[in-house]
Amino acid sequence: MKTRIVIGTRQSQLALWQAEYVASRLRAQYPALEVSLQHFVTHGDRVLDRPLPEIGGKGVFTAELESALREGQIDLAVHSLKDLPTQMADDFVIGAVSERASPYDALISRAGYHLATLPQGATVGTSSLRRVAQIKAARPDLNTLQLRGNVPTRIDKARRADSAYDAIILAVAGLDRLNRDGEITEVLSPEIMLPAPAQGALAVQCRAGDSAVRELLAALDHAETRCAVEAERAFLNKLDSGCRLPVAALATINGDTVQLTGRVCNLDGSTVITVSGEAAKSDALALGERLAQRALAQGAGELLAAVKESMSL
């Protein structure tokens, strides 16, 4: 049995919280195990003056960690699962998926506005095309403005008296994890703002051939969360859209059944395709693929192609 584990992580407060959470779970499960962290700065962390889709989209926060994992510098890497591309190299696996935190999005407004009460023409900050499209679908009159940086930086930008933003949108899970949930003005309903696939879940990635590490991680895996996020990521993968385009999905587990809703939008929110269905938990992947096919039959492929062309992706 392994006696030492090195976890790779980004250096943001949220990434460090996530890595420390996994480290604490490992230490609790295996008291004799020595667990340490190794910090990395990713391409997505270095380039903060351009929208995420322009700097690489898929893997922009994960490539450096995967390189270190492949080279044996680290034994595992902790990611927000929504940031992990659906198609991984064959030498990697997701060894564990954490129990999901809230999958929803939150609006933060220094003046206390909700999405419905923001003044006409107000500006909402977000770096997510998924959020932009759904904001526009709900409130076509609102403007959106790029918002990059870590969670505290984004909140500080929103709170300044001279801020360019009347409100910003962040994931509830990240705010909860950093004890910043008191900043939330409104938790947005999934009818208005369906989350990113796998939002709120953590992925612990390891080498496929490292049986010792995979055995350790098995105890950390939350089966119900894995089932839900696999359905969501299957929907995303079948659309071949990457993790930076306006695609949303949320699955819930009820007994032996998984229920999934997926959504594809164009950037101005004028066209929204929403599909829903359910299946046995054992058919979660097939459900995601089936709903993606239904969305494609309704024109989702053309919508995403137009977004890619407009963003030069």
C-alpha atoms as a PDB file:
ATOM      1  CA  MET A   1       0.000   0.000   0.000  1.00  0.00           C
ATOM      2  CA  LYS A   2       1.245   3.498  -0.801  1.00  0.00           C
ATOM      3  CA  THR A   3       2.584   5.507   2.125  1.00  0.00           C
ATOM      4  CA  ARG A   4       2.809   8.909   0.430  1.00  0.00           C
ATOM      5  CA  ILE A   5       0.522  10.842  -1.940  1.00  0.00           C
ATOM      6  CA  VAL A   6       1.274  14.117  -3.736  1.00  0.00           C
ATOM      7  CA  ILE A   7      -1.762  16.115  -4.886  1.00  0.00           C
ATOM      8  CA  GLY A   8      -1.449  18.643  -7.692  1.00  0.00           C
ATOM      9  CA  THR A   9      -3.521  21.808  -7.445  1.00  0.00           C
ATOM     10  CA  ARG A  10      -3.885  25.318  -8.791  1.00  0.00           C
ATOM     11  CA  GLN A  11      -3.044  28.132  -6.380  1.00  0.00           C
ATOM     12  CA  SER A  12      -6.340  29.991  -6.173  1.00  0.00           C
ATOM     13  CA  GLN A  13      -8.129  29.979  -2.824  1.00  0.00           C
ATOM     14  CA  LEU A  14     -10.892  27.800  -4.214  1.00  0.00           C
ATOM     15  CA  ALA A  15      -8.523  25.305  -5.847  1.00  0.00           C
ATOM     16  CA  LEU A  16      -6.525  25.052  -2.614  1.00  0.00           C
ATOM     17  CA  TRP A  17      -9.725  24.495  -0.616  1.00  0.00           C
ATOM     18  CA  GLN A  18     -10.679  21.695  -3.003  1.00  0.00           C
ATOM     19  CA  ALA A  19      -7.267  20.035  -2.812  1.00  0.00           C
ATOM     20  CA  GLU A  20      -7.173  20.331   0.982  1.00  0.00           C
ATOM     21  CA  TYR A  21     -10.650  18.820   1.150  1.00  0.00           C
ATOM     22  CA  VAL A  22      -9.481  15.753  -0.771  1.00  0.00           C
ATOM     23  CA  ALA A  23      -6.300  15.600   1.312  1.00  0.00           C
ATOM     24  CA  SER A  24      -8.345  15.659   4.523  1.00  0.00           C
ATOM     25  CA  ARG A  25     -10.586  12.877   3.245  1.00  0.00           C
ATOM     26  CA  LEU A  26      -7.541  10.743   2.434  1.00  0.00           C
ATOM     27  CA  ARG A  27      -5.942  11.420   5.827  1.00  0.00           C
ATOM     28  CA  ALA A  28      -9.166  10.540   7.617  1.00  0.00           C
ATOM     29  CA  GLN A  29      -9.542   7.319   5.648  1.00  0.00           C
ATOM     30  CA  TYR A  30      -5.852   6.351   5.856  1.00  0.00           C
ATOM     31  CA  PRO A  31      -4.257   7.862   9.019  1.00  0.00           C
ATOM     32  CA  ALA A  32      -0.795   6.506   8.201  1.00  0.00           C
ATOM     33  CA  LEU A  33      -0.782   8.050   4.716  1.00  0.00           C
ATOM     34  CA  GLU A  34       1.457  11.091   4.158  1.00  0.00           C
ATOM     35  CA  VAL A  35      -0.400  13.584   1.942  1.00  0.00           C
ATOM     36  CA  SER A  36       1.157  16.764   0.525  1.00  0.00           C
ATOM     37  CA  LEU A  37       0.205  19.401  -2.050  1.00  0.00           C
ATOM     38  CA  GLN A  38       2.171  20.672  -5.048  1.00  0.00           C
ATOM     39  CA  HIS A  39       1.061  23.992  -6.549  1.00  0.00           C
ATOM     40  CA  PHE A  40       0.784  24.833 -10.253  1.00  0.00           C
ATOM     41  CA  VAL A  41      -0.093  27.914 -12.299  1.00  0.00           C
ATOM     42  CA  THR A  42      -2.156  27.015 -15.363  1.00  0.00           C
ATOM     43  CA  HIS A  43      -2.627  28.798 -18.673  1.00  0.00           C
ATOM     44  CA  GLY A  44      -6.093  29.881 -17.537  1.00  0.00           C
ATOM     45  CA  ASP A  45      -4.563  31.451 -14.409  1.00  0.00           C
ATOM     46  CA  ARG A  46      -1.887  33.334 -16.321  1.00  0.00           C
ATOM     47  CA  VAL A  47      -4.049  34.888 -19.043  1.00  0.00           C
ATOM     48  CA  LEU A  48      -6.717  37.009 -17.368  1.00  0.00           C
ATOM     49  CA  ASP A  49      -7.286  39.733 -19.976  1.00  0.00           C
ATOM     50  CA  ARG A  50      -9.079  37.576 -22.555  1.00  0.00           C
ATOM     51  CA  PRO A  51     -12.318  35.555 -22.497  1.00  0.00           C
ATOM     52  CA  LEU A  52     -11.851  31.871 -21.687  1.00  0.00           C
ATOM     53  CA  PRO A  53     -13.066  30.583 -25.090  1.00  0.00           C
ATOM     54  CA  GLU A  54     -10.360  32.660 -26.799  1.00  0.00           C
ATOM     55  CA  ILE A  55      -7.479  31.157 -24.816  1.00  0.00           C
ATOM     56  CA  GLY A  56      -8.196  27.495 -25.354  1.00  0.00           C
ATOM     57  CA  GLY A  57     -11.483  26.500 -23.763  1.00  0.00           C
ATOM     58  CA  LYS A  58     -10.989  22.790 -23.210  1.00  0.00           C
ATOM     59  CA  GLY A  59      -8.320  22.060 -20.644  1.00  0.00           C
ATOM     60  CA  VAL A  60      -7.329  25.674 -20.032  1.00  0.00           C
ATOM     61  CA  PHE A  61      -7.185  24.994 -16.270  1.00  0.00           C
ATOM     62  CA  THR A  62      -6.090  21.357 -16.422  1.00  0.00           C
ATOM     63  CA  ALA A  63      -3.306  20.820 -18.992  1.00  0.00           C
ATOM     64  CA  GLU A  64      -0.366  21.639 -16.697  1.00  0.00           C
ATOM     65  CA  LEU A  65      -1.711  19.368 -13.960  1.00  0.00           C
ATOM     66  CA  GLU A  66      -2.202  16.523 -16.421  1.00  0.00           C
ATOM     67  CA  SER A  67       1.364  16.938 -17.685  1.00  0.00           C
ATOM     68  CA  ALA A  68       2.708  16.686 -14.134  1.00  0.00           C
ATOM     69  CA  LEU A  69       0.517  13.656 -13.504  1.00  0.00           C
ATOM     70  CA  ARG A  70       1.764  11.930 -16.631  1.00  0.00           C
ATOM     71  CA  GLU A  71       5.391  12.630 -15.723  1.00  0.00           C
ATOM     72  CA  GLY A  72       4.952  11.258 -12.204  1.00  0.00           C
ATOM     73  CA  GLN A  73       5.561  14.569 -10.402  1.00  0.00           C
ATOM     74  CA  ILE A  74       2.196  14.135  -8.665  1.00  0.00           C
ATOM     75  CA  ASP A  75      -0.017  11.146  -7.890  1.00  0.00           C
ATOM     76  CA  LEU A  76      -3.366  12.800  -8.449  1.00  0.00           C
ATOM     77  CA  ALA A  77      -4.897  16.115  -9.453  1.00  0.00           C
ATOM     78  CA  VAL A  78      -8.024  17.750  -8.070  1.00  0.00           C
ATOM     79  CA  HIS A  79     -10.261  19.646 -10.485  1.00  0.00           C
ATOM     80  CA  SER A  80     -13.635  21.288 -10.503  1.00  0.00           C
ATOM     81  CA  LEU A  81     -15.263  18.606 -12.627  1.00  0.00           C
ATOM     82  CA  LYS A  82     -16.999  21.213 -14.783  1.00  0.00           C
ATOM     83  CA  ASP A  83     -13.502  22.347 -15.921  1.00  0.00           C
ATOM     84  CA  LEU A  84     -12.350  18.864 -16.928  1.00  0.00           C
ATOM     85  CA  PRO A  85     -12.816  18.063 -20.639  1.00  0.00           C
ATOM     86  CA  THR A  86     -15.170  15.173 -21.285  1.00  0.00           C
ATOM     87  CA  GLN A  87     -12.590  13.375 -23.405  1.00  0.00           C
ATOM     88  CA  MET A  88      -9.463  12.498 -21.444  1.00  0.00           C
ATOM     89  CA  ALA A  89      -6.341  10.765 -22.646  1.00  0.00           C
ATOM     90  CA  ASP A  90      -6.461   6.998 -22.179  1.00  0.00           C
ATOM     91  CA  ASP A  91      -3.726   7.090 -19.536  1.00  0.00           C
ATOM     92  CA  PHE A  92      -5.956   9.050 -17.126  1.00  0.00           C
ATOM     93  CA  VAL A  93      -9.112   8.180 -15.187  1.00  0.00           C
ATOM     94  CA  ILE A  94     -11.342   9.953 -12.702  1.00  0.00           C
ATOM     95  CA  GLY A  95     -10.511   7.925  -9.604  1.00  0.00           C
ATOM     96  CA  ALA A  96     -13.132   9.599  -7.426  1.00  0.00           C
ATOM     97  CA  VAL A  97     -15.982  12.085  -7.682  1.00  0.00           C
ATOM     98  CA  SER A  98     -16.810  13.965  -4.505  1.00  0.00           C
ATOM     99  CA  GLU A  99     -20.307  14.283  -3.120  1.00  0.00           C
ATOM    100  CA  ARG A 100     -21.785  17.207  -4.958  1.00  0.00           C
ATOM    101  CA  ALA A 101     -22.221  20.613  -3.365  1.00  0.00           C
ATOM    102  CA  SER A 102     -24.918  22.955  -4.683  1.00  0.00           C
ATOM    103  CA  PRO A 103     -24.912  22.829  -8.493  1.00  0.00           C
ATOM    104  CA  TYR A 104     -26.629  26.201  -8.873  1.00  0.00           C
ATOM    105  CA  ASP A 105     -25.523  29.707  -9.856  1.00  0.00           C
ATOM    106  CA  ALA A 106     -25.835  32.812  -7.685  1.00  0.00           C
ATOM    107  CA  LEU A 107     -26.312  36.472  -8.484  1.00  0.00           C
ATOM    108  CA  ILE A 108     -24.372  39.009  -6.409  1.00  0.00           C
ATOM    109  CA  SER A 109     -25.436  42.659  -6.539  1.00  0.00           C
ATOM    110  CA  ARG A 110     -24.068  45.395  -4.285  1.00  0.00           C
ATOM    111  CA  ALA A 111     -27.443  47.198  -4.559  1.00  0.00           C
ATOM    112  CA  GLY A 112     -29.406  44.055  -3.698  1.00  0.00           C
ATOM    113  CA  TYR A 113     -30.981  43.523  -7.109  1.00  0.00           C
ATOM    114  CA  HIS A 114     -32.363  40.171  -8.211  1.00  0.00           C
ATOM    115  CA  LEU A 115     -32.157  39.171 -11.862  1.00  0.00           C
ATOM    116  CA  ALA A 116     -35.775  40.209 -12.369  1.00  0.00           C
ATOM    117  CA  THR A 117     -35.329  43.586 -10.678  1.00  0.00           C
ATOM    118  CA  LEU A 118     -32.083  44.740 -12.301  1.00  0.00           C
ATOM    119  CA  PRO A 119     -32.692  48.074 -14.061  1.00  0.00           C
ATOM    120  CA  GLN A 120     -33.134  47.993 -17.819  1.00  0.00           C
ATOM    121  CA  GLY A 121     -29.740  47.988 -19.515  1.00  0.00           C
ATOM    122  CA  ALA A 122     -27.875  46.957 -16.363  1.00  0.00           C
ATOM    123  CA  THR A 123     -24.520  45.169 -16.722  1.00  0.00           C
ATOM    124  CA  VAL A 124     -23.928  41.627 -15.470  1.00  0.00           C
ATOM    125  CA  GLY A 125     -20.409  40.253 -15.164  1.00  0.00           C
ATOM    126  CA  THR A 126     -19.546  36.692 -16.176  1.00  0.00           C
ATOM    127  CA  SER A 127     -16.895  34.881 -18.217  1.00  0.00           C
ATOM    128  CA  SER A 128     -19.270  32.020 -19.087  1.00  0.00           C
ATOM    129  CA  LEU A 129     -21.022  31.865 -22.457  1.00  0.00           C
ATOM    130  CA  ARG A 130     -23.561  29.513 -20.872  1.00  0.00           C
ATOM    131  CA  ARG A 131     -24.471  32.192 -18.361  1.00  0.00           C
ATOM    132  CA  VAL A 132     -24.451  34.971 -20.974  1.00  0.00           C
ATOM    133  CA  ALA A 133     -26.890  33.075 -23.187  1.00  0.00           C
ATOM    134  CA  GLN A 134     -29.282  32.272 -20.363  1.00  0.00           C
ATOM    135  CA  ILE A 135     -29.156  35.826 -18.979  1.00  0.00           C
ATOM    136  CA  LYS A 136     -30.090  37.096 -22.443  1.00  0.00           C
ATOM    137  CA  ALA A 137     -32.904  34.550 -22.703  1.00  0.00           C
ATOM    138  CA  ALA A 138     -34.376  35.748 -19.409  1.00  0.00           C
ATOM    139  CA  ARG A 139     -33.557  39.461 -19.755  1.00  0.00           C
ATOM    140  CA  PRO A 140     -32.718  40.473 -23.354  1.00  0.00           C
ATOM    141  CA  ASP A 141     -32.312  44.097 -22.234  1.00  0.00           C
ATOM    142  CA  LEU A 142     -29.334  43.381 -19.969  1.00  0.00           C
ATOM    143  CA  ASN A 143     -25.720  43.844 -21.001  1.00  0.00           C
ATOM    144  CA  THR A 144     -22.992  41.357 -20.128  1.00  0.00           C
ATOM    145  CA  LEU A 145     -19.331  42.099 -19.541  1.00  0.00           C
ATOM    146  CA  GLN A 146     -16.368  39.748 -19.228  1.00  0.00           C
ATOM    147  CA  LEU A 147     -15.394  38.949 -15.636  1.00  0.00           C
ATOM    148  CA  ARG A 148     -12.193  37.005 -14.955  1.00  0.00           C
ATOM    149  CA  GLY A 149     -10.142  36.281 -11.834  1.00  0.00           C
ATOM    150  CA  ASN A 150     -10.541  34.132  -8.748  1.00  0.00           C
ATOM    151  CA  VAL A 151     -13.678  34.220  -6.608  1.00  0.00           C
ATOM    152  CA  PRO A 152     -12.552  36.917  -4.108  1.00  0.00           C
ATOM    153  CA  THR A 153     -11.277  39.107  -6.955  1.00  0.00           C
ATOM    154  CA  ARG A 154     -14.589  38.857  -8.790  1.00  0.00           C
ATOM    155  CA  ILE A 155     -16.540  39.713  -5.660  1.00  0.00           C
ATOM    156  CA  ASP A 156     -14.282  42.712  -4.987  1.00  0.00           C
ATOM    157  CA  LYS A 157     -14.863  43.960  -8.534  1.00  0.00           C
ATOM    158  CA  ALA A 158     -18.615  43.684  -8.050  1.00  0.00           C
ATOM    159  CA  ARG A 159     -18.596  45.409  -4.652  1.00  0.00           C
ATOM    160  CA  ARG A 160     -16.586  48.526  -5.580  1.00  0.00           C
ATOM    161  CA  ALA A 161     -18.601  51.749  -5.685  1.00  0.00           C
ATOM    162  CA  ASP A 162     -17.172  52.535  -9.128  1.00  0.00           C
ATOM    163  CA  SER A 163     -17.751  48.999 -10.425  1.00  0.00           C
ATOM    164  CA  ALA A 164     -18.666  48.497 -14.075  1.00  0.00           C
ATOM    165  CA  TYR A 165     -20.955  45.676 -12.932  1.00  0.00           C
ATOM    166  CA  ASP A 166     -24.454  46.033 -11.515  1.00  0.00           C
ATOM    167  CA  ALA A 167     -24.342  42.317 -10.681  1.00  0.00           C
ATOM    168  CA  ILE A 168     -22.151  39.272 -11.254  1.00  0.00           C
ATOM    169  CA  ILE A 169     -22.865  35.553 -11.417  1.00  0.00           C
ATOM    170  CA  LEU A 170     -20.784  32.899  -9.660  1.00  0.00           C
ATOM    171  CA  ALA A 171     -21.296  29.259  -8.710  1.00  0.00           C
ATOM    172  CA  VAL A 172     -22.940  28.739  -5.333  1.00  0.00           C
ATOM    173  CA  ALA A 173     -20.544  25.874  -4.534  1.00  0.00           C
ATOM    174  CA  GLY A 174     -17.448  28.056  -4.736  1.00  0.00           C
ATOM    175  CA  LEU A 175     -19.021  30.734  -2.557  1.00  0.00           C
ATOM    176  CA  ASP A 176     -20.054  28.137   0.019  1.00  0.00           C
ATOM    177  CA  ARG A 177     -16.595  26.572   0.083  1.00  0.00           C
ATOM    178  CA  LEU A 178     -14.907  29.926   0.713  1.00  0.00           C
ATOM    179  CA  ASN A 179     -17.514  30.992   3.302  1.00  0.00           C
ATOM    180  CA  ARG A 180     -18.648  33.782   0.974  1.00  0.00           C
ATOM    181  CA  ASP A 181     -22.247  32.592   0.696  1.00  0.00           C
ATOM    182  CA  GLY A 182     -23.316  35.675   2.621  1.00  0.00           C
ATOM    183  CA  GLU A 183     -22.533  37.658  -0.538  1.00  0.00           C
ATOM    184  CA  ILE A 184     -25.358  35.943  -2.442  1.00  0.00           C
ATOM    185  CA  THR A 185     -28.268  38.163  -3.425  1.00  0.00           C
ATOM    186  CA  GLU A 186     -30.208  35.446  -5.251  1.00  0.00           C
ATOM    187  CA  VAL A 187     -29.753  31.762  -6.039  1.00  0.00           C
ATOM    188  CA  LEU A 188     -30.904  31.464  -9.641  1.00  0.00           C
ATOM    189  CA  SER A 189     -33.460  28.754 -10.376  1.00  0.00           C
ATOM    190  CA  PRO A 190     -32.513  26.066 -12.923  1.00  0.00           C
ATOM    191  CA  GLU A 191     -35.500  27.114 -15.008  1.00  0.00           C
ATOM    192  CA  ILE A 192     -33.686  30.426 -15.572  1.00  0.00           C
ATOM    193  CA  MET A 193     -30.034  29.386 -15.202  1.00  0.00           C
ATOM    194  CA  LEU A 194     -29.380  25.679 -15.727  1.00  0.00           C
ATOM    195  CA  PRO A 195     -25.886  24.865 -14.386  1.00  0.00           C
ATOM    196  CA  ALA A 196     -22.811  23.735 -16.254  1.00  0.00           C
ATOM    197  CA  PRO A 197     -22.510  19.960 -16.526  1.00  0.00           C
ATOM    198  CA  ALA A 198     -20.945  18.609 -13.295  1.00  0.00           C
ATOM    199  CA  GLN A 199     -20.991  22.000 -11.546  1.00  0.00           C
ATOM    200  CA  GLY A 200     -20.510  21.590  -7.796  1.00  0.00           C
ATOM    201  CA  ALA A 201     -18.638  18.265  -8.037  1.00  0.00           C
ATOM    202  CA  LEU A 202     -14.903  17.653  -7.663  1.00  0.00           C
ATOM    203  CA  ALA A 203     -12.945  15.198  -9.794  1.00  0.00           C
ATOM    204  CA  VAL A 204      -9.865  13.418  -8.486  1.00  0.00           C
ATOM    205  CA  GLN A 205      -7.851  12.469 -11.555  1.00  0.00           C
ATOM    206  CA  CYS A 206      -5.099   9.858 -11.512  1.00  0.00           C
ATOM    207  CA  ARG A 207      -3.106   7.651 -13.849  1.00  0.00           C
ATOM    208  CA  ALA A 208      -5.151   4.793 -15.275  1.00  0.00           C
ATOM    209  CA  GLY A 209      -2.385   2.306 -14.589  1.00  0.00           C
ATOM    210  CA  ASP A 210      -1.762   3.355 -10.982  1.00  0.00           C
ATOM    211  CA  SER A 211      -3.753   0.624  -9.263  1.00  0.00           C
ATOM    212  CA  ALA A 212      -2.484   1.554  -5.793  1.00  0.00           C
ATOM    213  CA  VAL A 213      -3.798   5.121  -6.043  1.00  0.00           C
ATOM    214  CA  ARG A 214      -7.050   3.995  -7.662  1.00  0.00           C
ATOM    215  CA  GLU A 215      -7.609   1.618  -4.750  1.00  0.00           C
ATOM    216  CA  LEU A 216      -7.119   4.451  -2.251  1.00  0.00           C
ATOM    217  CA  LEU A 217      -9.463   6.767  -4.124  1.00  0.00           C
ATOM    218  CA  ALA A 218     -12.281   4.227  -4.359  1.00  0.00           C
ATOM    219  CA  ALA A 219     -13.230   5.011  -0.771  1.00  0.00           C
ATOM    220  CA  LEU A 220     -13.741   8.691  -1.655  1.00  0.00           C
ATOM    221  CA  ASP A 221     -16.066   8.111  -4.598  1.00  0.00           C
ATOM    222  CA  HIS A 222     -19.701   9.175  -4.199  1.00  0.00           C
ATOM    223  CA  ALA A 223     -21.701   6.822  -6.423  1.00  0.00           C
ATOM    224  CA  GLU A 224     -24.850   8.933  -6.672  1.00  0.00           C
ATOM    225  CA  THR A 225     -22.943  12.058  -7.682  1.00  0.00           C
ATOM    226  CA  ARG A 226     -20.869  10.109 -10.208  1.00  0.00           C
ATOM    227  CA  CYS A 227     -24.038   8.763 -11.809  1.00  0.00           C
ATOM    228  CA  ALA A 228     -25.556  12.246 -12.116  1.00  0.00           C
ATOM    229  CA  VAL A 229     -22.463  13.931 -13.522  1.00  0.00           C
ATOM    230  CA  GLU A 230     -21.807  11.095 -15.960  1.00  0.00           C
ATOM    231  CA  ALA A 231     -25.268  11.692 -17.453  1.00  0.00           C
ATOM    232  CA  GLU A 232     -24.569  15.427 -17.711  1.00  0.00           C
ATOM    233  CA  ARG A 233     -21.115  14.964 -19.232  1.00  0.00           C
ATOM    234  CA  ALA A 234     -22.462  12.407 -21.709  1.00  0.00           C
ATOM    235  CA  PHE A 235     -24.926  15.064 -22.886  1.00  0.00           C
ATOM    236  CA  LEU A 236     -22.064  17.544 -23.269  1.00  0.00           C
ATOM    237  CA  ASN A 237     -19.747  15.068 -24.957  1.00  0.00           C
ATOM    238  CA  LYS A 238     -22.316  13.958 -27.527  1.00  0.00           C
ATOM    239  CA  LEU A 239     -22.778  17.577 -28.544  1.00  0.00           C
ATOM    240  CA  ASP A 240     -18.971  17.831 -28.915  1.00  0.00           C
ATOM    241  CA  SER A 241     -19.214  21.341 -27.580  1.00  0.00           C
ATOM    242  CA  GLY A 242     -16.413  21.531 -25.045  1.00  0.00           C
ATOM    243  CA  CYS A 243     -16.830  23.022 -21.592  1.00  0.00           C
ATOM    244  CA  ARG A 244     -16.896  26.705 -22.604  1.00  0.00           C
ATOM    245  CA  LEU A 245     -19.929  26.914 -24.918  1.00  0.00           C
ATOM    246  CA  PRO A 246     -23.573  27.636 -24.006  1.00  0.00           C
ATOM    247  CA  VAL A 247     -24.509  24.099 -22.981  1.00  0.00           C
ATOM    248  CA  ALA A 248     -26.080  23.343 -19.603  1.00  0.00           C
ATOM    249  CA  ALA A 249     -27.220  20.137 -17.927  1.00  0.00           C
ATOM    250  CA  LEU A 250     -28.427  18.985 -14.542  1.00  0.00           C
ATOM    251  CA  ALA A 251     -29.233  15.448 -13.404  1.00  0.00           C
ATOM    252  CA  THR A 252     -30.890  14.366 -10.180  1.00  0.00           C
ATOM    253  CA  ILE A 253     -31.159  10.908  -8.672  1.00  0.00           C
ATOM    254  CA  ASN A 254     -34.460   9.634  -7.304  1.00  0.00           C
ATOM    255  CA  GLY A 255     -34.147   6.093  -6.004  1.00  0.00           C
ATOM    256  CA  ASP A 256     -33.061   3.947  -8.937  1.00  0.00           C
ATOM    257  CA  THR A 257     -33.880   6.629 -11.508  1.00  0.00           C
ATOM    258  CA  VAL A 258     -31.794   9.452 -12.956  1.00  0.00           C
ATOM    259  CA  GLN A 259     -33.605  12.496 -14.315  1.00  0.00           C
ATOM    260  CA  LEU A 260     -31.726  14.801 -16.680  1.00  0.00           C
ATOM    261  CA  THR A 261     -32.426  18.200 -18.208  1.00  0.00           C
ATOM    262  CA  GLY A 262     -30.135  19.604 -20.880  1.00  0.00           C
ATOM    263  CA  ARG A 263     -30.113  22.988 -22.562  1.00  0.00           C
ATOM    264  CA  VAL A 264     -28.427  24.577 -25.580  1.00  0.00           C
ATOM    265  CA  CYS A 265     -28.745  28.294 -26.400  1.00  0.00           C
ATOM    266  CA  ASN A 266     -27.459  30.779 -28.896  1.00  0.00           C
ATOM    267  CA  LEU A 267     -25.497  33.696 -27.482  1.00  0.00           C
ATOM    268  CA  ASP A 268     -28.248  36.294 -27.667  1.00  0.00           C
ATOM    269  CA  GLY A 269     -30.692  33.969 -25.917  1.00  0.00           C
ATOM    270  CA  SER A 270     -33.236  34.193 -28.704  1.00  0.00           C
ATOM    271  CA  THR A 271     -33.205  30.428 -29.261  1.00  0.00           C
ATOM    272  CA  VAL A 272     -33.243  28.016 -26.317  1.00  0.00           C
ATOM    273  CA  ILE A 273     -33.483  24.246 -26.735  1.00  0.00           C
ATOM    274  CA  THR A 274     -34.351  22.383 -23.532  1.00  0.00           C
ATOM    275  CA  VAL A 275     -34.715  18.611 -23.365  1.00  0.00           C
ATOM    276  CA  SER A 276     -35.562  16.366 -20.425  1.00  0.00           C
ATOM    277  CA  GLY A 277     -35.885  12.664 -19.730  1.00  0.00           C
ATOM    278  CA  GLU A 278     -35.267   9.911 -17.222  1.00  0.00           C
ATOM    279  CA  ALA A 279     -33.829   6.418 -17.141  1.00  0.00           C
ATOM    280  CA  ALA A 280     -32.540   3.769 -14.776  1.00  0.00           C
ATOM    281  CA  LYS A 281     -29.294   4.789 -13.083  1.00  0.00           C
ATOM    282  CA  SER A 282     -27.525   2.028 -14.981  1.00  0.00           C
ATOM    283  CA  ASP A 283     -28.462   3.840 -18.218  1.00  0.00           C
ATOM    284  CA  ALA A 284     -27.235   7.305 -17.174  1.00  0.00           C
ATOM    285  CA  LEU A 285     -24.708   7.586 -19.994  1.00  0.00           C
ATOM    286  CA  ALA A 286     -27.223   6.457 -22.584  1.00  0.00           C
ATOM    287  CA  LEU A 287     -29.738   8.980 -21.250  1.00  0.00           C
ATOM    288  CA  GLY A 288     -27.271  11.827 -21.717  1.00  0.00           C
ATOM    289  CA  GLU A 289     -26.498  10.733 -25.255  1.00  0.00           C
ATOM    290  CA  ARG A 290     -30.170  10.243 -26.094  1.00  0.00           C
ATOM    291  CA  LEU A 291     -31.125  13.732 -24.920  1.00  0.00           C
ATOM    292  CA  ALA A 292     -28.192  15.209 -26.840  1.00  0.00           C
ATOM    293  CA  GLN A 293     -29.486  13.511 -29.979  1.00  0.00           C
ATOM    294  CA  ARG A 294     -32.904  14.991 -29.291  1.00  0.00           C
ATOM    295  CA  ALA A 295     -31.351  18.449 -28.934  1.00  0.00           C
ATOM    296  CA  LEU A 296     -29.403  17.966 -32.164  1.00  0.00           C
ATOM    297  CA  ALA A 297     -32.616  17.023 -33.942  1.00  0.00           C
ATOM    298  CA  GLN A 298     -34.043  20.352 -32.772  1.00  0.00           C
ATOM    299  CA  GLY A 299     -31.129  22.337 -34.203  1.00  0.00           C
ATOM    300  CA  ALA A 300     -28.559  22.371 -31.391  1.00  0.00           C
ATOM    301  CA  GLY A 301     -25.722  21.543 -33.757  1.00  0.00           C
ATOM    302  CA  GLU A 302     -26.412  24.596 -35.889  1.00  0.00           C
ATOM    303  CA  LEU A 303     -26.633  26.822 -32.816  1.00  0.00           C
ATOM    304  CA  LEU A 304     -23.271  25.629 -31.478  1.00  0.00           C
ATOM    305  CA  ALA A 305     -21.625  25.860 -34.895  1.00  0.00           C
ATOM    306  CA  ALA A 306     -22.746  29.480 -35.151  1.00  0.00           C
ATOM    307  CA  VAL A 307     -21.368  30.235 -31.677  1.00  0.00           C
ATOM    308  CA  LYS A 308     -18.027  28.641 -32.540  1.00  0.00           C
ATOM    309  CA  GLU A 309     -17.827  30.649 -35.767  1.00  0.00           C
ATOM    310  CA  SER A 310     -18.676  33.920 -34.013  1.00  0.00           C
ATOM    311  CA  MET A 311     -16.038  33.260 -31.350  1.00  0.00           C
ATOM    312  CA  SER A 312     -13.518  31.873 -33.876  1.00  0.00           C
ATOM    313  CA  LEU A 313     -13.285  28.653 -31.856  1.00  0.00           C
END
